[in-house]
Amino acid sequence: MRAVIDTGVFVSALIRPQGTTGAALKALRDGRFTVLYSTDMLVEIIDVLGRDKFRTKYHIHPDDITALVNLIRLRGELVIPSQKVTACRDPKDDKFLEAALASDADCLVSGDFDLLDMVSFENIPILRPAEFLARL
């Protein structure tokens, strides 16, 4: 399966590795799916996890961020979106739709209601992490 995973899922997986999002990250580590990502998505992951509030409150270390980025690059496929999308009510989430569309993803995985409320985009289902794990 080929899936776009939004930043919030990765952040949640690092904060609560024992939860559903942690299970999705473990599935990636185990090679059970290919994560599809764009440069903009990696930049956002690094930016969000590098914020002081995450580093301090959740004890996220630079090595944790590096390990996650390296895992995404190892188990993933870089996508270069060729088409701008303006479909989500939160424009910051359009980058995930662009990556899904450009890569012909099997699904987009998110916990963000701005994306989840769309249900699907161009016949690509938008799934909660638990729904995604059930389909794996």
Protein backbone atom coordinates (compact mmCIF):
# COMPACT_ATOMS: atom_id res chain seq x y z
CA MET A 1 0.00 0.00 0.00
CA ARG A 2 1.14 3.52 -0.81
CA ALA A 3 0.04 6.24 1.61
CA VAL A 4 0.50 9.93 2.28
CA ILE A 5 0.74 10.49 6.05
CA ASP A 6 0.09 13.96 7.42
CA THR A 7 2.45 15.67 9.84
CA GLY A 8 0.10 15.36 12.81
CA VAL A 9 0.17 11.57 12.59
CA PHE A 10 3.97 11.51 12.70
CA VAL A 11 4.08 13.99 15.59
CA SER A 12 1.51 11.98 17.54
CA ALA A 13 3.43 8.75 16.86
CA LEU A 14 6.58 10.18 18.43
CA ILE A 15 4.69 11.58 21.41
CA ARG A 16 2.57 8.44 22.03
CA PRO A 17 4.35 5.47 20.46
CA GLN A 18 2.00 3.04 22.20
CA GLY A 19 -1.10 4.51 20.48
CA THR A 20 -2.65 3.98 17.07
CA THR A 21 -0.35 6.48 15.39
CA GLY A 22 2.60 4.70 16.97
CA ALA A 23 1.35 1.45 15.42
CA ALA A 24 1.26 3.17 12.03
CA LEU A 25 4.87 4.30 12.51
CA LYS A 26 5.84 0.75 13.49
CA ALA A 27 4.15 -0.54 10.32
CA LEU A 28 6.32 1.87 8.34
CA ARG A 29 9.44 0.66 10.16
CA ASP A 30 8.41 -2.92 9.36
CA GLY A 31 8.06 -2.07 5.66
CA ARG A 32 4.33 -2.83 5.53
CA PHE A 33 3.63 0.20 3.34
CA THR A 34 5.38 2.90 1.36
CA VAL A 35 5.03 6.45 2.62
CA LEU A 36 4.71 9.09 -0.08
CA TYR A 37 6.16 12.48 0.81
CA SER A 38 7.08 15.82 -0.68
CA THR A 39 9.89 18.15 0.32
CA ASP A 40 7.31 20.55 1.80
CA MET A 41 6.01 17.74 4.03
CA LEU A 42 9.50 16.91 5.34
CA VAL A 43 10.19 20.58 6.03
CA GLU A 44 6.96 20.81 8.05
CA ILE A 45 7.81 17.69 10.09
CA ILE A 46 11.25 19.08 10.94
CA ASP A 47 9.79 22.50 11.77
CA VAL A 48 6.99 21.21 14.01
CA LEU A 49 9.09 18.67 15.90
CA GLY A 50 11.90 21.18 16.29
CA ARG A 51 9.72 23.69 18.12
CA ASP A 52 10.73 24.36 21.72
CA LYS A 53 7.34 23.32 23.14
CA PHE A 54 7.61 19.85 21.58
CA ARG A 55 11.24 19.37 22.46
CA THR A 56 10.71 20.40 26.07
CA LYS A 57 7.27 19.00 26.87
CA TYR A 58 7.63 15.69 25.04
CA HIS A 59 11.40 15.25 25.23
CA ILE A 60 11.84 15.20 21.47
CA HIS A 61 15.56 15.27 20.70
CA PRO A 62 17.22 16.25 17.43
CA ASP A 63 18.22 12.58 17.03
CA ASP A 64 14.51 11.60 17.15
CA ILE A 65 13.73 14.02 14.33
CA THR A 66 16.69 12.81 12.28
CA ALA A 67 15.69 9.17 12.79
CA LEU A 68 12.11 9.90 11.66
CA VAL A 69 13.23 11.79 8.55
CA ASN A 70 15.70 9.02 7.70
CA LEU A 71 12.95 6.41 8.11
CA ILE A 72 10.62 8.35 5.82
CA ARG A 73 13.36 8.64 3.21
CA LEU A 74 14.29 4.95 3.55
CA ARG A 75 10.76 3.53 3.42
CA GLY A 76 9.26 6.26 1.30
CA GLU A 77 9.06 7.70 -2.13
CA LEU A 78 9.72 11.36 -2.83
CA VAL A 79 6.89 12.94 -4.78
CA ILE A 80 7.23 16.18 -6.72
CA PRO A 81 3.71 17.56 -7.12
CA SER A 82 3.12 19.06 -10.55
CA GLN A 83 -0.31 20.48 -9.80
CA LYS A 84 -1.31 23.05 -7.20
CA VAL A 85 -4.39 22.08 -5.22
CA THR A 86 -6.72 24.46 -3.36
CA ALA A 87 -9.33 22.03 -2.08
CA CYS A 88 -8.97 21.89 1.71
CA ARG A 89 -10.55 24.47 3.97
CA ASP A 90 -7.12 24.76 5.65
CA PRO A 91 -4.75 25.78 2.84
CA LYS A 92 -1.76 24.41 4.82
CA ASP A 93 -3.17 20.90 4.27
CA ASP A 94 -3.30 21.20 0.48
CA LYS A 95 0.30 19.94 0.31
CA PHE A 96 -0.90 16.49 1.44
CA LEU A 97 -3.59 16.45 -1.25
CA GLU A 98 -1.01 17.53 -3.85
CA ALA A 99 1.31 14.67 -2.86
CA ALA A 100 -1.53 12.13 -2.87
CA LEU A 101 -2.69 13.26 -6.31
CA ALA A 102 0.81 13.35 -7.83
CA SER A 103 1.68 9.88 -6.56
CA ASP A 104 -1.64 8.14 -7.20
CA ALA A 105 -1.69 7.22 -3.50
CA ASP A 106 -3.93 4.45 -2.19
CA CYS A 107 -4.93 6.73 0.70
CA LEU A 108 -4.12 9.78 2.77
CA VAL A 109 -3.87 9.20 6.54
CA SER A 110 -4.77 12.02 8.91
CA GLY A 111 -6.24 12.92 12.26
CA ASP A 112 -6.99 16.46 11.03
CA PHE A 113 -10.70 17.20 10.65
CA ASP A 114 -10.00 19.66 7.83
CA LEU A 115 -8.86 16.66 5.78
CA LEU A 116 -11.06 13.96 7.32
CA ASP A 117 -14.23 15.94 6.62
CA MET A 118 -13.39 15.74 2.92
CA VAL A 119 -13.73 11.90 3.13
CA SER A 120 -11.85 11.52 -0.16
CA PHE A 121 -10.04 13.57 -2.76
CA GLU A 122 -10.00 12.61 -6.44
CA ASN A 123 -11.04 9.06 -5.44
CA ILE A 124 -8.25 8.81 -2.86
CA PRO A 125 -9.76 7.95 0.54
CA ILE A 126 -8.79 10.06 3.55
CA LEU A 127 -8.51 7.74 6.54
CA ARG A 128 -8.02 7.95 10.27
CA PRO A 129 -4.93 6.05 11.46
CA ALA A 130 -7.07 3.19 12.85
CA GLU A 131 -8.89 2.82 9.51
CA PHE A 132 -5.56 2.78 7.72
CA LEU A 133 -4.17 0.08 10.02
CA ALA A 134 -7.29 -2.03 9.46
CA ARG A 135 -6.71 -1.88 5.70
CA LEU A 136 -3.06 -2.87 6.01
